[in-house]
Amino acid sequence: MACRVVDLPAGRWQWQLGHRITSLAELSRFLRLSDEERAGIEAAGTRFRWALTPFVTSLMDPEDPACPIRRQFIPSAAELDTGPGEGDPLHEDRNSPVRGLVHKYPDRVIIMVTGQCAAFCRHCTRRRLVGQVDRAMTERQFLACVSYIREHEEIRDVLLTGGDPLVGGDAWLETLLRHVRAVPHVEIVRIGTRAPVVLPQRITPELCEMLGRYHPLWVNIHVNHPKEITPEMTAACDRLSRAGIPLGSQTVLLRGVNDDEATLKELCHRLVRVRVRPYYLYQCDTVAGTSHFWTPVERGLELVSSLRGWTTGLCVPAFVVDSPLGKIQLAPQNLVAREGDSVLLRGYTGETCLVHNPVPAPA
């Protein structure tokens, strides 16, 4: 190998963005790419956007094509097989009354404030939009979203997403937060990001101090594998936590990345140790070009069963399938039968017991 990414200076977060790896020749300096990976970059990489921060590249095993970080970020020829996938399987575009805003649930909306990401996940739900143009939402577009929120007093929860909102600068992000916070009926604001994983340098003390002025503010981080929980990611999460920001993780179930019991349990344990609550385990969305990541729904239920009772409840995420109807939570069925005034329940070990079940009072 010519050199290793970890030998490069970490630099500021802007340096990381300015030195992203975007070509086969560049990536070959740091990884021993397989013929399959080379073919994937040459085929899918010219059709779908890809870019890697030097930091996330440093997490990749330089010799192993099966490395879970490589599988998530290096283009694959399998992306050209659209199969039964859709461009917009969650019907976000159909539920967008204002450009960039999605209103699917009664009391909350998402605003896709940017199409930019520090690194582009190959399983991205919004690959139809994200990375197509490295541009944030214009001020006019954003104010139209805020006007919509003002006109709908049932909206109490606003999620800023994209793309990744933290790819933008502090002043830009603060302007967004200030406008949303000025709406009286908005109770909480959330930010969805993968920056602590792929660009932990972005989580500066200055950013955290600014975010702390807009409480109640929540941050959900996209974390898929234990290798992503690095000392740098841990320090970034610590800074956010010390600013009073509750952290949750959103994990996507990906074949060949985290669809085994040991990996998922280790991920959840490590998340809790860095004060990030495992929030959702997502069934991978049926986006066109991502079928090589899909797993059966039954596998997700098996994995949740392997956690429940065998580890702290705090470590068990909710398993959800996102759909045009919204998120649908699935859980292992432990109600075996009803027997008179009792129910037969199955515990985490597989054993069963009868528990008294009060008879409903007459109407």
Protein backbone atom coordinates (compact mmCIF):
# COMPACT_ATOMS: atom_id res chain seq x y z
CA MET A 1 0.00 0.00 0.00
CA ALA A 2 1.29 3.49 -0.81
CA CYS A 3 0.09 5.05 2.44
CA ARG A 4 -2.55 4.77 5.11
CA VAL A 5 -5.37 7.23 5.75
CA VAL A 6 -4.53 7.31 9.44
CA ASP A 7 -1.13 8.79 8.51
CA LEU A 8 -2.86 11.87 7.14
CA PRO A 9 -3.48 14.89 9.38
CA ALA A 10 -6.95 14.86 10.92
CA GLY A 11 -7.42 18.57 10.35
CA ARG A 12 -10.57 20.49 11.07
CA TRP A 13 -13.92 19.24 9.88
CA GLN A 14 -13.73 21.53 6.87
CA TRP A 15 -10.43 19.86 5.95
CA GLN A 16 -12.13 16.47 6.08
CA LEU A 17 -14.85 17.66 3.69
CA GLY A 18 -12.36 19.33 1.40
CA HIS A 19 -10.25 16.17 1.15
CA ARG A 20 -12.97 13.60 0.58
CA ILE A 21 -12.01 10.57 -1.48
CA THR A 22 -14.07 10.46 -4.66
CA SER A 23 -12.13 8.38 -7.19
CA LEU A 24 -10.95 4.83 -7.66
CA ALA A 25 -7.34 5.99 -7.94
CA GLU A 26 -7.52 7.87 -4.63
CA LEU A 27 -9.18 5.01 -2.76
CA SER A 28 -6.63 2.53 -4.12
CA ARG A 29 -3.93 4.39 -2.21
CA PHE A 30 -5.46 3.30 1.08
CA LEU A 31 -7.28 0.01 0.43
CA ARG A 32 -6.38 -3.16 -1.43
CA LEU A 33 -9.54 -3.16 -3.52
CA SER A 34 -10.97 -6.40 -4.84
CA ASP A 35 -11.85 -6.82 -8.51
CA GLU A 36 -15.51 -6.73 -7.47
CA GLU A 37 -15.07 -3.43 -5.65
CA ARG A 38 -13.23 -1.91 -8.58
CA ALA A 39 -16.00 -3.00 -10.93
CA GLY A 40 -18.61 -1.58 -8.55
CA ILE A 41 -16.91 1.81 -8.37
CA GLU A 42 -16.51 1.96 -12.16
CA ALA A 43 -20.13 0.94 -12.79
CA ALA A 44 -22.35 2.20 -9.94
CA GLY A 45 -19.94 4.91 -8.82
CA THR A 46 -20.45 6.82 -12.04
CA ARG A 47 -24.23 6.65 -11.73
CA PHE A 48 -24.75 7.17 -8.00
CA ARG A 49 -22.87 9.71 -5.88
CA TRP A 50 -20.15 8.43 -3.58
CA ALA A 51 -17.60 10.17 -1.36
CA LEU A 52 -15.64 9.18 1.73
CA THR A 53 -14.12 11.39 4.40
CA PRO A 54 -10.53 10.46 5.20
CA PHE A 55 -11.74 9.67 8.71
CA VAL A 56 -14.34 7.08 7.73
CA THR A 57 -11.88 5.57 5.27
CA SER A 58 -9.46 5.09 8.16
CA LEU A 59 -12.04 2.82 9.83
CA MET A 60 -11.99 0.39 6.91
CA ASP A 61 -9.97 -2.81 7.00
CA PRO A 62 -7.46 -2.16 4.19
CA GLU A 63 -7.26 -5.85 3.25
CA ASP A 64 -10.80 -7.19 3.73
CA PRO A 65 -13.54 -6.45 1.16
CA ALA A 66 -16.09 -7.88 3.62
CA CYS A 67 -15.28 -5.12 6.12
CA PRO A 68 -18.65 -3.77 7.32
CA ILE A 69 -17.53 -0.17 6.82
CA ARG A 70 -16.40 -0.88 3.26
CA ARG A 71 -19.72 -2.57 2.48
CA GLN A 72 -21.67 0.48 3.66
CA PHE A 73 -19.75 3.14 1.71
CA ILE A 74 -18.01 1.66 -1.36
CA PRO A 75 -20.25 1.44 -4.45
CA SER A 76 -21.30 -2.00 -5.61
CA ALA A 77 -22.41 -3.20 -9.04
CA ALA A 78 -25.45 -4.65 -7.22
CA GLU A 79 -26.78 -1.09 -7.02
CA LEU A 80 -27.54 -1.26 -10.74
CA ASP A 81 -30.06 -4.05 -10.08
CA THR A 82 -33.19 -2.11 -9.19
CA GLY A 83 -35.25 -5.30 -8.75
CA PRO A 84 -38.52 -4.73 -6.89
CA GLY A 85 -37.23 -1.57 -5.25
CA GLU A 86 -38.72 1.91 -5.64
CA GLY A 87 -37.28 5.38 -5.91
CA ASP A 88 -39.47 6.69 -3.09
CA PRO A 89 -40.80 3.65 -1.19
CA LEU A 90 -41.99 5.73 1.78
CA HIS A 91 -44.03 8.06 -0.45
CA GLU A 92 -42.35 11.12 0.99
CA ASP A 93 -42.83 13.12 -2.19
CA ARG A 94 -46.58 12.48 -2.10
CA ASN A 95 -46.72 13.79 1.48
CA SER A 96 -44.81 16.98 0.75
CA PRO A 97 -47.19 19.95 0.82
CA VAL A 98 -44.22 22.32 0.64
CA ARG A 99 -40.95 21.60 -1.16
CA GLY A 100 -38.52 19.94 1.25
CA LEU A 101 -41.11 19.33 4.00
CA VAL A 102 -42.81 15.98 4.62
CA HIS A 103 -45.97 15.80 6.73
CA LYS A 104 -46.98 12.15 7.23
CA TYR A 105 -47.86 12.12 10.93
CA PRO A 106 -50.46 14.32 12.63
CA ASP A 107 -48.16 16.22 15.00
CA ARG A 108 -44.74 16.23 13.35
CA VAL A 109 -42.90 17.04 10.16
CA ILE A 110 -39.45 16.59 8.69
CA ILE A 111 -37.57 19.25 6.78
CA MET A 112 -34.87 18.07 4.39
CA VAL A 113 -32.68 21.11 4.83
CA THR A 114 -29.80 19.92 2.65
CA GLY A 115 -28.89 17.35 0.01
CA GLN A 116 -25.33 17.16 1.30
CA CYS A 117 -23.65 14.43 3.36
CA ALA A 118 -20.07 14.01 4.54
CA ALA A 119 -20.11 10.42 3.21
CA PHE A 120 -22.80 8.69 1.18
CA CYS A 121 -24.31 5.47 2.52
CA ARG A 122 -25.02 2.89 -0.17
CA HIS A 123 -28.36 2.00 1.48
CA CYS A 124 -29.62 5.60 1.65
CA THR A 125 -33.40 5.93 1.65
CA ARG A 126 -33.22 9.28 -0.12
CA ARG A 127 -30.64 8.46 -2.76
CA ARG A 128 -33.08 9.94 -5.29
CA LEU A 129 -32.27 13.33 -3.74
CA VAL A 130 -29.21 13.17 -1.48
CA GLY A 131 -25.95 13.93 -3.21
CA GLN A 132 -27.54 14.91 -6.49
CA VAL A 133 -26.54 18.50 -5.82
CA ASP A 134 -24.18 19.69 -3.07
CA ARG A 135 -26.52 22.45 -2.05
CA ALA A 136 -28.59 23.33 0.98
CA MET A 137 -32.18 24.51 0.94
CA THR A 138 -32.47 28.18 0.03
CA GLU A 139 -33.65 30.68 2.63
CA ARG A 140 -36.84 31.21 0.65
CA GLN A 141 -37.57 27.48 0.58
CA PHE A 142 -36.90 27.12 4.29
CA LEU A 143 -39.11 30.06 5.23
CA ALA A 144 -41.92 28.50 3.17
CA CYS A 145 -41.56 25.38 5.34
CA VAL A 146 -41.67 27.49 8.51
CA SER A 147 -44.79 29.28 7.24
CA TYR A 148 -46.47 25.91 6.71
CA ILE A 149 -45.61 24.92 10.29
CA ARG A 150 -47.01 28.20 11.62
CA GLU A 151 -50.27 27.56 9.79
CA HIS A 152 -50.63 24.07 11.28
CA GLU A 153 -50.81 24.36 15.04
CA GLU A 154 -51.05 20.59 15.45
CA ILE A 155 -47.33 20.35 14.59
CA ARG A 156 -45.36 20.13 17.82
CA ASP A 157 -42.23 18.23 16.66
CA VAL A 158 -39.86 19.24 13.83
CA LEU A 159 -37.03 17.03 12.57
CA LEU A 160 -34.22 18.65 10.60
CA THR A 161 -32.68 16.10 8.28
CA GLY A 162 -31.49 15.78 4.71
CA GLY A 163 -28.80 14.84 3.79
CA ASP A 164 -27.02 15.77 6.98
CA PRO A 165 -27.75 19.16 8.61
CA LEU A 166 -24.41 19.13 10.45
CA VAL A 167 -22.50 19.38 7.17
CA GLY A 168 -23.51 23.05 7.18
CA GLY A 169 -21.82 25.75 9.20
CA ASP A 170 -22.79 26.92 12.69
CA ALA A 171 -24.31 30.24 11.60
CA TRP A 172 -26.46 28.60 8.91
CA LEU A 173 -27.69 25.90 11.28
CA GLU A 174 -28.43 28.41 14.03
CA THR A 175 -30.56 30.44 11.61
CA LEU A 176 -32.67 27.34 10.92
CA LEU A 177 -33.07 26.56 14.61
CA ARG A 178 -33.96 30.14 15.47
CA HIS A 179 -36.73 30.26 12.85
CA VAL A 180 -38.24 26.95 13.97
CA ARG A 181 -37.95 27.83 17.66
CA ALA A 182 -39.84 31.09 17.00
CA VAL A 183 -42.99 29.09 16.19
CA PRO A 184 -44.92 29.04 19.50
CA HIS A 185 -46.52 25.59 19.14
CA VAL A 186 -43.28 23.75 18.26
CA GLU A 187 -42.35 21.89 21.43
CA ILE A 188 -39.25 19.95 20.40
CA VAL A 189 -36.70 20.05 17.59
CA ARG A 190 -34.70 17.05 16.46
CA ILE A 191 -31.64 16.70 14.24
CA GLY A 192 -30.79 13.54 12.32
CA THR A 193 -27.08 13.13 11.58
CA ARG A 194 -24.27 10.70 10.86
CA ALA A 195 -21.57 13.27 11.54
CA PRO A 196 -20.34 11.74 14.84
CA VAL A 197 -19.55 8.54 12.89
CA VAL A 198 -18.12 9.84 9.61
CA LEU A 199 -17.09 13.38 10.58
CA PRO A 200 -16.66 13.54 14.39
CA GLN A 201 -14.45 16.63 14.01
CA ARG A 202 -17.67 18.52 13.21
CA ILE A 203 -18.88 18.22 16.81
CA THR A 204 -16.92 21.18 18.11
CA PRO A 205 -17.37 22.85 21.51
CA GLU A 206 -18.67 25.90 19.62
CA LEU A 207 -21.33 23.84 17.83
CA CYS A 208 -22.44 22.23 21.09
CA GLU A 209 -22.64 25.57 22.87
CA MET A 210 -24.83 26.91 20.06
CA LEU A 211 -27.10 23.87 20.00
CA GLY A 212 -27.53 24.13 23.76
CA ARG A 213 -29.31 27.46 23.28
CA TYR A 214 -32.25 25.78 21.52
CA HIS A 215 -33.51 23.21 24.02
CA PRO A 216 -35.43 20.99 24.09
CA LEU A 217 -33.26 19.65 21.28
CA TRP A 218 -32.67 15.97 20.51
CA VAL A 219 -30.08 14.38 18.22
CA ASN A 220 -30.46 10.98 16.57
CA ILE A 221 -27.31 9.41 15.17
CA HIS A 222 -27.20 6.78 12.43
CA VAL A 223 -24.91 3.99 13.74
CA ASN A 224 -24.84 0.52 12.14
CA HIS A 225 -21.79 -1.35 13.42
CA PRO A 226 -19.57 -1.48 16.54
CA LYS A 227 -16.54 -0.40 14.47
CA GLU A 228 -18.22 2.98 14.06
CA ILE A 229 -17.98 3.68 17.78
CA THR A 230 -14.47 5.09 17.83
CA PRO A 231 -12.68 7.23 20.43
CA GLU A 232 -13.43 10.24 18.21
CA MET A 233 -17.12 9.36 17.97
CA THR A 234 -17.21 8.78 21.74
CA ALA A 235 -15.70 12.22 22.38
CA ALA A 236 -18.17 13.85 19.98
CA CYS A 237 -21.12 12.22 21.75
CA ASP A 238 -19.71 13.24 25.12
CA ARG A 239 -19.60 16.88 24.01
CA LEU A 240 -23.21 16.71 22.83
CA SER A 241 -24.35 15.02 26.04
CA ARG A 242 -22.58 17.60 28.20
CA ALA A 243 -24.50 20.27 26.29
CA GLY A 244 -27.68 18.65 27.61
CA ILE A 245 -28.65 17.01 24.31
CA PRO A 246 -30.26 13.55 24.59
CA LEU A 247 -28.84 11.12 22.02
CA GLY A 248 -30.50 8.18 20.30
CA SER A 249 -29.29 5.82 17.61
CA GLN A 250 -31.07 4.70 14.47
CA THR A 251 -29.64 1.47 13.11
CA VAL A 252 -30.52 -0.02 9.74
CA LEU A 253 -30.52 -3.80 9.55
CA LEU A 254 -28.12 -4.63 6.70
CA ARG A 255 -27.25 -8.04 5.32
CA GLY A 256 -23.57 -8.77 5.76
CA VAL A 257 -23.07 -5.80 8.08
CA ASN A 258 -25.03 -6.26 11.31
CA ASP A 259 -27.56 -9.07 10.76
CA ASP A 260 -26.09 -11.42 13.36
CA GLU A 261 -26.77 -11.61 17.08
CA ALA A 262 -23.24 -11.00 18.34
CA THR A 263 -22.70 -7.87 16.24
CA LEU A 264 -26.04 -6.31 17.12
CA LYS A 265 -25.64 -6.97 20.85
CA GLU A 266 -22.12 -5.54 20.85
CA LEU A 267 -23.37 -2.47 18.99
CA CYS A 268 -26.16 -1.84 21.50
CA HIS A 269 -23.86 -2.34 24.47
CA ARG A 270 -21.26 0.06 23.08
CA LEU A 271 -23.91 2.66 22.30
CA VAL A 272 -25.19 2.66 25.86
CA ARG A 273 -21.65 2.96 27.20
CA VAL A 274 -21.24 6.22 25.26
CA ARG A 275 -24.67 7.44 26.45
CA VAL A 276 -26.51 6.88 23.18
CA ARG A 277 -29.87 5.12 23.55
CA PRO A 278 -30.54 2.40 20.95
CA TYR A 279 -33.78 3.83 19.55
CA TYR A 280 -34.77 2.12 16.31
CA LEU A 281 -33.64 -0.96 14.43
CA TYR A 282 -34.94 -0.30 10.92
CA GLN A 283 -35.80 -2.89 8.36
CA CYS A 284 -33.80 -1.72 5.34
CA ASP A 285 -36.10 0.33 3.12
CA THR A 286 -36.88 -1.19 -0.27
CA VAL A 287 -35.09 1.52 -2.22
CA ALA A 288 -34.17 0.67 -5.80
CA GLY A 289 -30.57 -0.55 -5.94
CA THR A 290 -30.29 -1.66 -2.31
CA SER A 291 -31.65 -5.22 -2.47
CA HIS A 292 -28.22 -6.70 -1.68
CA PHE A 293 -28.69 -5.29 1.85
CA TRP A 294 -32.23 -6.58 2.44
CA THR A 295 -33.05 -9.19 5.09
CA PRO A 296 -36.38 -10.92 5.82
CA VAL A 297 -38.56 -9.25 8.42
CA GLU A 298 -38.42 -12.53 10.34
CA ARG A 299 -34.68 -12.02 10.80
CA GLY A 300 -35.27 -8.69 12.51
CA LEU A 301 -37.73 -10.31 14.89
CA GLU A 302 -35.20 -13.06 15.67
CA LEU A 303 -32.56 -10.48 16.45
CA VAL A 304 -34.85 -8.51 18.77
CA SER A 305 -35.69 -11.80 20.52
CA SER A 306 -31.97 -12.46 20.97
CA LEU A 307 -31.69 -9.18 22.91
CA ARG A 308 -34.86 -9.12 25.00
CA GLY A 309 -34.21 -10.50 28.46
CA TRP A 310 -30.63 -11.37 27.56
CA THR A 311 -29.48 -7.80 28.07
CA THR A 312 -30.68 -4.59 29.71
CA GLY A 313 -33.97 -3.30 28.35
CA LEU A 314 -32.23 0.02 27.73
CA CYS A 315 -30.12 -1.78 25.10
CA VAL A 316 -33.05 -3.11 23.07
CA PRO A 317 -34.17 -0.92 20.14
CA ALA A 318 -37.67 -1.02 18.70
CA PHE A 319 -37.75 -2.96 15.43
CA VAL A 320 -39.68 -0.99 12.83
CA VAL A 321 -40.60 -1.27 9.19
CA ASP A 322 -41.01 2.14 7.57
CA SER A 323 -43.79 2.31 5.03
CA PRO A 324 -46.09 4.71 3.16
CA LEU A 325 -48.29 4.48 6.29
CA GLY A 326 -45.44 5.50 8.55
CA LYS A 327 -43.31 3.44 10.90
CA ILE A 328 -44.84 0.11 11.87
CA GLN A 329 -43.33 -1.47 14.97
CA LEU A 330 -42.97 -5.25 14.99
CA ALA A 331 -42.23 -7.32 18.07
CA PRO A 332 -41.92 -10.99 18.93
CA GLN A 333 -45.27 -12.40 20.04
CA ASN A 334 -45.10 -13.60 23.65
CA LEU A 335 -48.84 -13.93 24.24
CA VAL A 336 -49.35 -17.66 23.70
CA ALA A 337 -53.00 -18.10 24.65
CA ARG A 338 -55.89 -16.88 26.79
CA GLU A 339 -57.16 -19.35 29.37
CA GLY A 340 -60.18 -18.17 31.35
CA ASP A 341 -59.12 -15.32 33.61
CA SER A 342 -55.42 -15.89 32.83
CA VAL A 343 -53.05 -15.51 29.92
CA LEU A 344 -50.27 -17.90 28.98
CA LEU A 345 -47.10 -15.92 28.35
CA ARG A 346 -43.72 -16.94 26.99
CA GLY A 347 -40.60 -15.55 28.68
CA TYR A 348 -37.26 -14.73 27.08
CA THR A 349 -35.90 -18.23 27.84
CA GLY A 350 -38.80 -19.88 26.03
CA GLU A 351 -40.51 -21.04 29.21
CA THR A 352 -44.19 -20.23 29.72
CA CYS A 353 -46.25 -19.19 32.71
CA LEU A 354 -49.86 -18.28 33.53
CA VAL A 355 -50.52 -14.70 34.63
CA HIS A 356 -53.85 -13.47 35.97
CA ASN A 357 -55.78 -11.45 33.37
CA PRO A 358 -58.63 -9.33 34.78
CA VAL A 359 -61.95 -9.79 33.06
CA PRO A 360 -63.10 -6.56 31.37
CA ALA A 361 -65.83 -4.73 33.27
CA PRO A 362 -69.29 -4.74 31.65
CA ALA A 363 -69.90 -1.78 29.36
